[in-house]
Amino acid sequence: MEKVKIKKVRSTINRPKRQKDTMIALGLNKMNSTVEVELTPQIKGMINKVNHLISVENVK
């Protein structure tokens, strides 16, 4: 499976609860926190929902 590195670059203050919950589910709590996850269809969906709050890059 392909892996991606996700970094939180914008705050979740004044965002809908659904977006806040998605960020927590991805493991991104604090600003500039980074996680490396496998790119499954579920993760792709979460990335699409909060793509304005994160940056994504491929990992080899």
C-alpha atoms as a PDB file:
ATOM      1  CA  MET A   1       0.000   0.000   0.000  1.00  0.00           C
ATOM      2  CA  GLU A   2       1.057   3.546  -0.665  1.00  0.00           C
ATOM      3  CA  LYS A   3       1.874   5.746   2.333  1.00  0.00           C
ATOM      4  CA  VAL A   4       1.257   9.462   2.723  1.00  0.00           C
ATOM      5  CA  LYS A   5       2.466  12.040   5.212  1.00  0.00           C
ATOM      6  CA  ILE A   6      -0.267  14.383   6.456  1.00  0.00           C
ATOM      7  CA  LYS A   7       0.528  17.632   8.256  1.00  0.00           C
ATOM      8  CA  LYS A   8      -1.939  19.968   9.986  1.00  0.00           C
ATOM      9  CA  VAL A   9      -1.294  23.485   8.674  1.00  0.00           C
ATOM     10  CA  ARG A  10      -4.482  25.366   9.647  1.00  0.00           C
ATOM     11  CA  SER A  11      -6.422  25.601  12.881  1.00  0.00           C
ATOM     12  CA  THR A  12      -9.753  23.888  13.520  1.00  0.00           C
ATOM     13  CA  ILE A  13     -11.074  26.801  15.595  1.00  0.00           C
ATOM     14  CA  ASN A  14     -14.489  27.925  14.283  1.00  0.00           C
ATOM     15  CA  ARG A  15     -14.790  24.802  12.118  1.00  0.00           C
ATOM     16  CA  PRO A  16     -17.777  22.429  12.137  1.00  0.00           C
ATOM     17  CA  LYS A  17     -17.656  19.583  14.649  1.00  0.00           C
ATOM     18  CA  ARG A  18     -17.528  17.081  11.802  1.00  0.00           C
ATOM     19  CA  GLN A  19     -14.253  18.546  10.512  1.00  0.00           C
ATOM     20  CA  LYS A  20     -12.779  18.642  14.036  1.00  0.00           C
ATOM     21  CA  ASP A  21     -13.704  14.983  14.540  1.00  0.00           C
ATOM     22  CA  THR A  22     -12.125  14.058  11.202  1.00  0.00           C
ATOM     23  CA  MET A  23      -8.862  15.747  12.177  1.00  0.00           C
ATOM     24  CA  ILE A  24      -8.804  13.846  15.477  1.00  0.00           C
ATOM     25  CA  ALA A  25      -9.546  10.587  13.637  1.00  0.00           C
ATOM     26  CA  LEU A  26      -6.537  11.256  11.396  1.00  0.00           C
ATOM     27  CA  GLY A  27      -4.410  11.761  14.525  1.00  0.00           C
ATOM     28  CA  LEU A  28      -3.844  15.477  14.030  1.00  0.00           C
ATOM     29  CA  ASN A  29      -4.445  17.347  17.280  1.00  0.00           C
ATOM     30  CA  LYS A  30      -1.895  20.148  17.520  1.00  0.00           C
ATOM     31  CA  MET A  31      -0.696  22.588  14.889  1.00  0.00           C
ATOM     32  CA  ASN A  32       2.148  21.315  12.682  1.00  0.00           C
ATOM     33  CA  SER A  33       1.632  17.746  13.887  1.00  0.00           C
ATOM     34  CA  THR A  34       2.436  15.091  11.296  1.00  0.00           C
ATOM     35  CA  VAL A  35       1.262  11.516  10.791  1.00  0.00           C
ATOM     36  CA  GLU A  36       2.261   8.879   8.269  1.00  0.00           C
ATOM     37  CA  VAL A  37      -0.588   6.573   7.231  1.00  0.00           C
ATOM     38  CA  GLU A  38      -1.405   4.050   4.522  1.00  0.00           C
ATOM     39  CA  LEU A  39      -3.587   5.496   1.778  1.00  0.00           C
ATOM     40  CA  THR A  40      -6.808   3.491   2.030  1.00  0.00           C
ATOM     41  CA  PRO A  41     -10.155   4.574   0.559  1.00  0.00           C
ATOM     42  CA  GLN A  42     -11.273   5.631   4.052  1.00  0.00           C
ATOM     43  CA  ILE A  43      -8.210   7.826   4.573  1.00  0.00           C
ATOM     44  CA  LYS A  44      -8.667   9.330   1.079  1.00  0.00           C
ATOM     45  CA  GLY A  45     -12.222  10.331   2.023  1.00  0.00           C
ATOM     46  CA  MET A  46     -11.062  11.955   5.252  1.00  0.00           C
ATOM     47  CA  ILE A  47      -8.314  13.831   3.381  1.00  0.00           C
ATOM     48  CA  ASN A  48     -10.864  15.151   0.878  1.00  0.00           C
ATOM     49  CA  LYS A  49     -13.133  16.415   3.686  1.00  0.00           C
ATOM     50  CA  VAL A  50     -10.407  18.492   5.380  1.00  0.00           C
ATOM     51  CA  ASN A  51      -8.011  19.183   2.500  1.00  0.00           C
ATOM     52  CA  HIS A  52      -8.160  22.939   3.230  1.00  0.00           C
ATOM     53  CA  LEU A  53      -6.672  22.344   6.719  1.00  0.00           C
ATOM     54  CA  ILE A  54      -3.841  19.909   5.860  1.00  0.00           C
ATOM     55  CA  SER A  55      -0.958  19.330   3.484  1.00  0.00           C
ATOM     56  CA  VAL A  56      -0.335  15.883   2.011  1.00  0.00           C
ATOM     57  CA  GLU A  57       2.805  14.400   0.462  1.00  0.00           C
ATOM     58  CA  ASN A  58       3.667  10.938  -0.759  1.00  0.00           C
ATOM     59  CA  VAL A  59       6.186   8.795   1.109  1.00  0.00           C
ATOM     60  CA  LYS A  60       8.215   6.121  -0.619  1.00  0.00           C
END
